[in-house]
Amino acid sequence: MTNLSYYVIHHLAISLIPDDGICANATWNPNGTTVIGGKGSGSSLDRFDFPSHIVVDNDLNIYITDNFNHRIVKWAPGAKTGQVVAGGNGQGDRSHQLSYPEGFVIDKNGSLLICDKENHRIQKWNKNDDHGTTLMSNIHCWGMAMDDNGLLYISDISGDHHVITWPDSRIVAGGNGQGSALNQLSYPYFIFVDHDRSVFAADGGNHRIVKWPHGATEGIVVAGGNGPGSELNQLHQPSSVIVDRMGTVYIAEDYNPRITRWFKGSKEGVIVVGGRGEGDHIDQIRGQCDLAFDHNGNLWVADYFNQRIQLFKIDKSLCK
């Protein structure tokens, strides 16, 4: 069986995951382990108030957008509490504050580039700094990604509903007004950029995942696009997407409590995690989750409404 190399661009962070033996026959334990949180909402550093994004780096540090606490928090492996690395000074628009942040990326210098959503700006927080600087203003951002050359990609969910790059402000997906045509997007939430600089957008309002090859003027539907729903050929407001080197797509949705896997060319997905109704049991998640893989292929889920981070371990025993 062909091995797959995964890379994580969690809306904002791009981190190559080495060839770890993941194959098409790999599965994930349906029972998750709560690694962080699960104690209800709160502002102490062992709790979240709606964790909306997750990034796992190569050292297994976990970075979380703690949305309603207006901060980004880093958790070292095995830590009982997190460390605030951006924001955490109350909601506001000063340089040391954030307001309902969403996506972020970590650049090669360890700086955080953050979608400061309700302030309509992109902020850069250098490593160990106590404040950010504004890279871009007047943007209703949501997701972010960074390519191998350090170019930043940002999804904008207002106006033309497009994905643009920074610093050159090029439109690379959408930009033809909100709509359902293949040259349009409708609420592009989180995004992923592969090594070929193709952009994959969680096109939430159109209930589909759309791939825009580099230089393309319209997208290709690679998952969903059959109206909102819970059937395996449908998505219901997808919010998060990552893609492996072979073109397999992994999706989290706002209104289906599941993570699905869509093989390249497939007309329907396979449930990887969840799909057992909304709840807080070990085999359940709620909607509006985010996802990331670590370098071993384990699946980490920011379980938004359950205020927890769940780890679903991979089984590669059939990867021969």
Protein backbone atom coordinates (compact mmCIF):
# COMPACT_ATOMS: atom_id res chain seq x y z
CA MET A 1 0.00 0.00 0.00
CA THR A 2 1.32 3.44 -0.88
CA ASN A 3 2.42 5.48 2.12
CA LEU A 4 1.06 8.97 2.46
CA SER A 5 2.97 11.98 3.74
CA TYR A 6 0.79 14.42 5.58
CA TYR A 7 1.27 18.06 6.07
CA VAL A 8 -0.69 20.32 8.33
CA ILE A 9 -1.63 23.79 7.32
CA HIS A 10 -3.95 24.63 10.01
CA HIS A 11 -5.55 27.54 8.45
CA LEU A 12 -2.51 29.33 9.17
CA ALA A 13 0.34 27.10 9.98
CA ILE A 14 2.11 24.93 7.50
CA SER A 15 4.15 22.12 8.95
CA LEU A 16 5.38 19.19 6.91
CA ILE A 17 4.67 15.87 8.61
CA PRO A 18 7.30 13.28 7.65
CA ASP A 19 6.40 10.04 5.90
CA ASP A 20 4.89 8.19 8.84
CA GLY A 21 3.38 5.11 7.20
CA ILE A 22 -0.20 6.39 6.99
CA CYS A 23 -2.01 4.61 4.20
CA ALA A 24 -5.49 4.37 2.75
CA ASN A 25 -6.24 1.51 5.18
CA ALA A 26 -5.29 3.49 8.27
CA THR A 27 -8.02 4.04 10.84
CA TRP A 28 -8.37 6.13 13.97
CA ASN A 29 -9.58 4.94 17.35
CA PRO A 30 -13.20 6.11 17.58
CA ASN A 31 -12.75 6.74 21.30
CA GLY A 32 -10.94 9.99 21.98
CA THR A 33 -8.84 11.02 24.94
CA THR A 34 -9.36 14.45 26.45
CA VAL A 35 -5.88 15.96 26.51
CA ILE A 36 -6.80 19.53 27.44
CA GLY A 37 -9.94 21.09 28.86
CA GLY A 38 -13.25 19.30 29.21
CA LYS A 39 -13.93 21.15 32.47
CA GLY A 40 -16.43 23.63 31.11
CA SER A 41 -15.73 27.12 29.88
CA GLY A 42 -13.51 29.54 31.76
CA SER A 43 -10.59 31.92 31.56
CA SER A 44 -8.07 30.06 33.72
CA LEU A 45 -5.19 28.49 31.80
CA ASP A 46 -6.51 24.96 32.20
CA ARG A 47 -9.78 25.86 30.46
CA PHE A 48 -11.11 27.30 27.21
CA ASP A 49 -13.94 29.54 26.21
CA PHE A 50 -14.64 27.99 22.81
CA PRO A 51 -11.43 26.62 21.24
CA SER A 52 -11.86 27.33 17.55
CA HIS A 53 -8.45 26.51 15.97
CA ILE A 54 -5.73 24.00 16.64
CA VAL A 55 -2.16 23.68 15.37
CA VAL A 56 0.21 20.90 16.40
CA ASP A 57 3.88 21.54 15.69
CA ASN A 58 6.65 19.01 15.10
CA ASP A 59 7.56 19.05 18.81
CA LEU A 60 3.94 18.24 19.72
CA ASN A 61 3.32 21.68 21.16
CA ILE A 62 -0.35 22.52 20.75
CA TYR A 63 -1.49 26.02 19.84
CA ILE A 64 -5.16 26.91 20.33
CA THR A 65 -7.29 29.88 19.39
CA ASP A 66 -9.22 30.46 22.62
CA ASN A 67 -11.92 32.44 20.88
CA PHE A 68 -14.04 34.03 23.61
CA ASN A 69 -10.97 34.61 25.80
CA HIS A 70 -9.48 36.62 22.93
CA ARG A 71 -6.12 34.87 23.03
CA ILE A 72 -3.84 32.25 21.50
CA VAL A 73 -2.58 29.67 24.00
CA LYS A 74 0.36 27.25 23.69
CA TRP A 75 0.40 23.92 25.50
CA ALA A 76 3.69 22.05 25.85
CA PRO A 77 3.49 18.22 25.80
CA GLY A 78 2.15 16.96 29.12
CA ALA A 79 1.52 20.45 30.52
CA LYS A 80 -1.35 20.94 32.96
CA THR A 81 -1.84 24.57 31.98
CA GLY A 82 -1.28 26.64 28.87
CA GLN A 83 0.85 29.71 28.16
CA VAL A 84 -0.67 32.79 26.52
CA VAL A 85 1.38 33.65 23.42
CA ALA A 86 -0.89 36.37 21.97
CA GLY A 87 -3.71 38.46 23.38
CA GLY A 88 -5.15 37.55 26.76
CA ASN A 89 -5.54 41.18 27.80
CA GLY A 90 -9.27 41.39 27.39
CA GLN A 91 -11.22 42.10 24.24
CA GLY A 92 -10.05 45.22 22.46
CA ASP A 93 -8.27 46.80 19.52
CA ARG A 94 -5.04 47.92 21.14
CA SER A 95 -1.78 46.37 20.02
CA HIS A 96 -1.69 43.97 23.02
CA GLN A 97 -5.29 42.83 22.52
CA LEU A 98 -7.35 40.64 20.19
CA SER A 99 -11.07 40.42 19.51
CA TYR A 100 -12.49 36.98 18.68
CA PRO A 101 -9.39 35.75 16.82
CA GLU A 102 -9.75 32.87 14.38
CA GLY A 103 -7.05 31.38 12.14
CA PHE A 104 -3.33 31.83 12.59
CA VAL A 105 -0.04 30.58 11.19
CA ILE A 106 3.40 30.24 12.71
CA ASP A 107 6.23 31.36 10.49
CA LYS A 108 9.79 29.99 10.39
CA ASN A 109 10.89 32.49 13.05
CA GLY A 110 8.18 31.42 15.47
CA SER A 111 6.11 34.57 14.93
CA LEU A 112 2.32 34.25 15.00
CA LEU A 113 0.31 35.79 12.16
CA ILE A 114 -3.24 36.02 13.43
CA CYS A 115 -6.64 36.73 11.97
CA ASP A 116 -7.95 39.22 14.53
CA LYS A 117 -11.44 38.72 13.20
CA GLU A 118 -13.62 41.28 14.92
CA ASN A 119 -10.92 43.95 14.64
CA HIS A 120 -10.81 43.25 10.89
CA ARG A 121 -7.04 43.07 10.84
CA ILE A 122 -4.08 40.71 10.52
CA GLN A 123 -1.70 40.95 13.47
CA LYS A 124 1.89 39.73 13.73
CA TRP A 125 3.13 38.77 17.19
CA ASN A 126 6.86 38.11 17.24
CA LYS A 127 8.00 35.28 19.48
CA ASN A 128 7.94 36.30 23.17
CA ASP A 129 6.55 39.77 22.41
CA ASP A 130 3.70 41.20 24.49
CA HIS A 131 2.02 43.00 21.61
CA GLY A 132 1.36 42.71 17.90
CA THR A 133 1.81 44.87 14.84
CA THR A 134 -0.80 45.28 12.12
CA LEU A 135 0.02 43.82 8.70
CA MET A 136 -3.38 44.41 7.09
CA SER A 137 -6.54 46.29 8.01
CA ASN A 138 -10.15 46.42 6.77
CA ILE A 139 -10.39 42.69 6.12
CA HIS A 140 -13.06 40.34 7.44
CA CYS A 141 -10.63 37.45 7.71
CA TRP A 142 -11.26 33.91 8.90
CA GLY A 143 -8.74 31.31 7.74
CA MET A 144 -5.07 31.59 6.94
CA ALA A 145 -2.35 29.44 5.41
CA MET A 146 1.29 29.86 4.45
CA ASP A 147 3.01 28.25 1.47
CA ASP A 148 6.56 26.91 1.25
CA ASN A 149 7.85 30.32 0.18
CA GLY A 150 6.37 32.13 3.17
CA LEU A 151 3.52 33.73 1.21
CA LEU A 152 0.47 34.28 3.39
CA TYR A 153 -3.04 33.30 2.21
CA ILE A 154 -6.12 34.79 3.88
CA SER A 155 -9.80 34.01 3.42
CA ASP A 156 -12.14 37.01 3.48
CA ILE A 157 -15.80 36.22 4.22
CA SER A 158 -17.24 39.61 3.30
CA GLY A 159 -17.59 41.51 0.05
CA ASP A 160 -16.29 39.33 -2.75
CA HIS A 161 -15.84 36.22 -0.55
CA HIS A 162 -12.36 35.45 -1.74
CA VAL A 163 -8.90 34.22 -0.77
CA ILE A 164 -6.08 36.74 -1.14
CA THR A 165 -2.34 36.67 -0.57
CA TRP A 166 -0.13 38.97 1.47
CA PRO A 167 1.91 41.08 0.90
CA ASP A 168 0.99 41.22 -2.80
CA SER A 169 -2.84 41.29 -2.33
CA ARG A 170 -3.45 38.85 -5.19
CA ILE A 171 -6.86 37.13 -5.45
CA VAL A 172 -6.22 33.38 -5.75
CA ALA A 173 -9.75 32.02 -5.20
CA GLY A 174 -13.18 33.58 -5.61
CA GLY A 175 -13.37 37.33 -5.98
CA ASN A 176 -16.42 37.31 -8.24
CA GLY A 177 -18.98 38.10 -5.60
CA GLN A 178 -20.73 35.74 -3.23
CA GLY A 179 -22.32 32.84 -5.10
CA SER A 180 -22.29 29.17 -6.02
CA ALA A 181 -20.72 29.27 -9.49
CA LEU A 182 -17.30 27.62 -9.78
CA ASN A 183 -15.62 31.03 -9.96
CA GLN A 184 -17.31 32.10 -6.71
CA LEU A 185 -17.23 31.30 -3.01
CA SER A 186 -19.70 31.81 -0.18
CA TYR A 187 -18.19 32.15 3.27
CA PRO A 188 -14.80 30.56 2.71
CA TYR A 189 -13.83 29.62 6.25
CA PHE A 190 -10.58 27.74 6.78
CA ILE A 191 -8.19 27.09 3.94
CA PHE A 192 -5.30 24.82 3.05
CA VAL A 193 -2.47 25.37 0.57
CA ASP A 194 -0.50 22.44 -0.81
CA HIS A 195 3.06 22.24 -2.18
CA ASP A 196 1.75 23.06 -5.67
CA ARG A 197 0.17 26.22 -4.26
CA SER A 198 -3.33 24.93 -4.91
CA VAL A 199 -5.83 26.48 -2.51
CA PHE A 200 -8.45 24.28 -0.87
CA ALA A 201 -11.31 26.30 0.63
CA ALA A 202 -13.98 25.16 3.07
CA ASP A 203 -16.74 26.88 1.09
CA GLY A 204 -19.18 26.91 3.99
CA GLY A 205 -22.14 28.65 2.41
CA ASN A 206 -22.02 26.29 -0.57
CA HIS A 207 -21.53 23.15 1.56
CA ARG A 208 -18.51 22.01 -0.38
CA ILE A 209 -14.72 21.88 -0.51
CA VAL A 210 -13.30 23.60 -3.58
CA LYS A 211 -9.79 23.26 -4.96
CA TRP A 212 -8.32 26.20 -6.87
CA PRO A 213 -5.14 25.12 -8.67
CA HIS A 214 -2.41 27.74 -8.84
CA GLY A 215 -3.37 30.33 -11.45
CA ALA A 216 -6.89 28.94 -11.98
CA THR A 217 -9.87 31.22 -12.61
CA GLU A 218 -12.38 28.77 -11.18
CA GLY A 219 -12.42 25.96 -8.65
CA ILE A 220 -12.98 22.21 -8.73
CA VAL A 221 -15.40 20.63 -6.24
CA VAL A 222 -13.54 17.85 -4.42
CA ALA A 223 -16.07 17.11 -1.65
CA GLY A 224 -19.75 17.85 -1.10
CA GLY A 225 -21.60 20.22 -3.38
CA ASN A 226 -24.83 18.24 -3.06
CA GLY A 227 -26.66 20.63 -0.80
CA PRO A 228 -26.58 20.73 2.99
CA GLY A 229 -27.12 17.41 4.72
CA SER A 230 -25.70 14.49 6.64
CA GLU A 231 -25.49 11.87 3.90
CA LEU A 232 -21.98 10.70 3.02
CA ASN A 233 -22.06 12.63 -0.26
CA GLN A 234 -23.03 15.83 1.55
CA LEU A 235 -21.52 18.39 3.87
CA HIS A 236 -23.27 20.88 6.12
CA GLN A 237 -21.30 24.11 6.35
CA PRO A 238 -17.78 22.72 6.28
CA SER A 239 -15.42 24.83 8.35
CA SER A 240 -12.03 23.10 8.30
CA VAL A 241 -10.05 21.21 5.67
CA ILE A 242 -6.63 19.63 5.37
CA VAL A 243 -5.30 17.60 2.43
CA ASP A 244 -2.57 14.98 2.22
CA ARG A 245 0.05 14.59 -0.50
CA MET A 246 -2.09 12.06 -2.37
CA GLY A 247 -5.06 14.40 -2.50
CA THR A 248 -7.13 12.86 0.29
CA VAL A 249 -9.28 15.52 1.94
CA TYR A 250 -10.18 15.63 5.66
CA ILE A 251 -13.12 17.82 6.69
CA ALA A 252 -14.80 19.14 9.81
CA GLU A 253 -18.29 20.63 9.57
CA ASP A 254 -20.28 23.10 11.64
CA TYR A 255 -23.53 21.13 11.60
CA ASN A 256 -22.44 17.50 11.36
CA PRO A 257 -20.58 16.20 14.44
CA ARG A 258 -18.02 14.18 12.48
CA ILE A 259 -14.69 14.22 10.69
CA THR A 260 -14.83 12.73 7.19
CA ARG A 261 -12.16 11.53 4.78
CA TRP A 262 -12.66 11.93 1.04
CA PHE A 263 -10.28 10.00 -1.19
CA LYS A 264 -9.22 11.67 -4.40
CA GLY A 265 -11.96 11.33 -7.02
CA SER A 266 -14.45 9.89 -4.52
CA LYS A 267 -18.11 10.92 -4.65
CA GLU A 268 -18.62 10.46 -0.92
CA GLY A 269 -16.69 10.54 2.32
CA VAL A 270 -15.86 8.03 5.02
CA ILE A 271 -16.42 8.89 8.67
CA VAL A 272 -13.13 8.90 10.55
CA VAL A 273 -14.27 10.26 13.92
CA GLY A 274 -17.68 11.01 15.39
CA GLY A 275 -20.87 10.49 13.41
CA ARG A 276 -22.54 9.13 16.55
CA GLY A 277 -24.70 12.09 17.35
CA GLU A 278 -23.78 15.23 19.23
CA GLY A 279 -22.50 14.72 22.74
CA ASP A 280 -19.58 14.73 25.12
CA HIS A 281 -18.85 11.00 25.33
CA ILE A 282 -15.43 9.75 24.29
CA ASP A 283 -16.75 8.65 20.88
CA GLN A 284 -18.60 11.91 20.19
CA ILE A 285 -17.84 15.47 19.20
CA ARG A 286 -20.06 18.45 18.61
CA GLY A 287 -20.22 20.58 15.49
CA GLN A 288 -17.91 23.46 14.62
CA CYS A 289 -14.71 21.54 15.30
CA ASP A 290 -11.22 22.05 13.99
CA LEU A 291 -8.67 19.35 13.25
CA ALA A 292 -4.95 18.74 12.89
CA PHE A 293 -2.59 15.78 12.50
CA ASP A 294 0.63 15.31 14.42
CA HIS A 295 3.79 13.82 12.91
CA ASN A 296 2.62 10.30 13.80
CA GLY A 297 -0.72 10.75 12.05
CA ASN A 298 -2.76 10.97 15.26
CA LEU A 299 -5.82 13.18 14.91
CA TRP A 300 -6.33 16.14 17.24
CA VAL A 301 -9.74 17.82 17.39
CA ALA A 302 -10.64 21.18 18.90
CA ASP A 303 -14.10 20.20 20.17
CA TYR A 304 -15.56 23.71 20.24
CA PHE A 305 -18.79 23.32 22.20
CA ASN A 306 -17.36 20.66 24.52
CA GLN A 307 -14.54 23.04 25.49
CA ARG A 308 -11.88 20.38 25.05
CA ILE A 309 -9.09 19.04 22.87
CA GLN A 310 -9.54 15.40 21.89
CA LEU A 311 -6.82 13.02 20.69
CA PHE A 312 -7.81 10.12 18.41
CA LYS A 313 -4.92 7.71 18.00
CA ILE A 314 -4.12 6.18 14.64
CA ASP A 315 -3.97 2.47 13.85
CA LYS A 316 -1.52 1.77 11.00
CA SER A 317 -1.46 -2.01 11.42
CA LEU A 318 -3.00 -2.50 7.96
CA CYS A 319 -0.46 -0.19 6.31
CA LYS A 320 1.73 -2.89 4.77
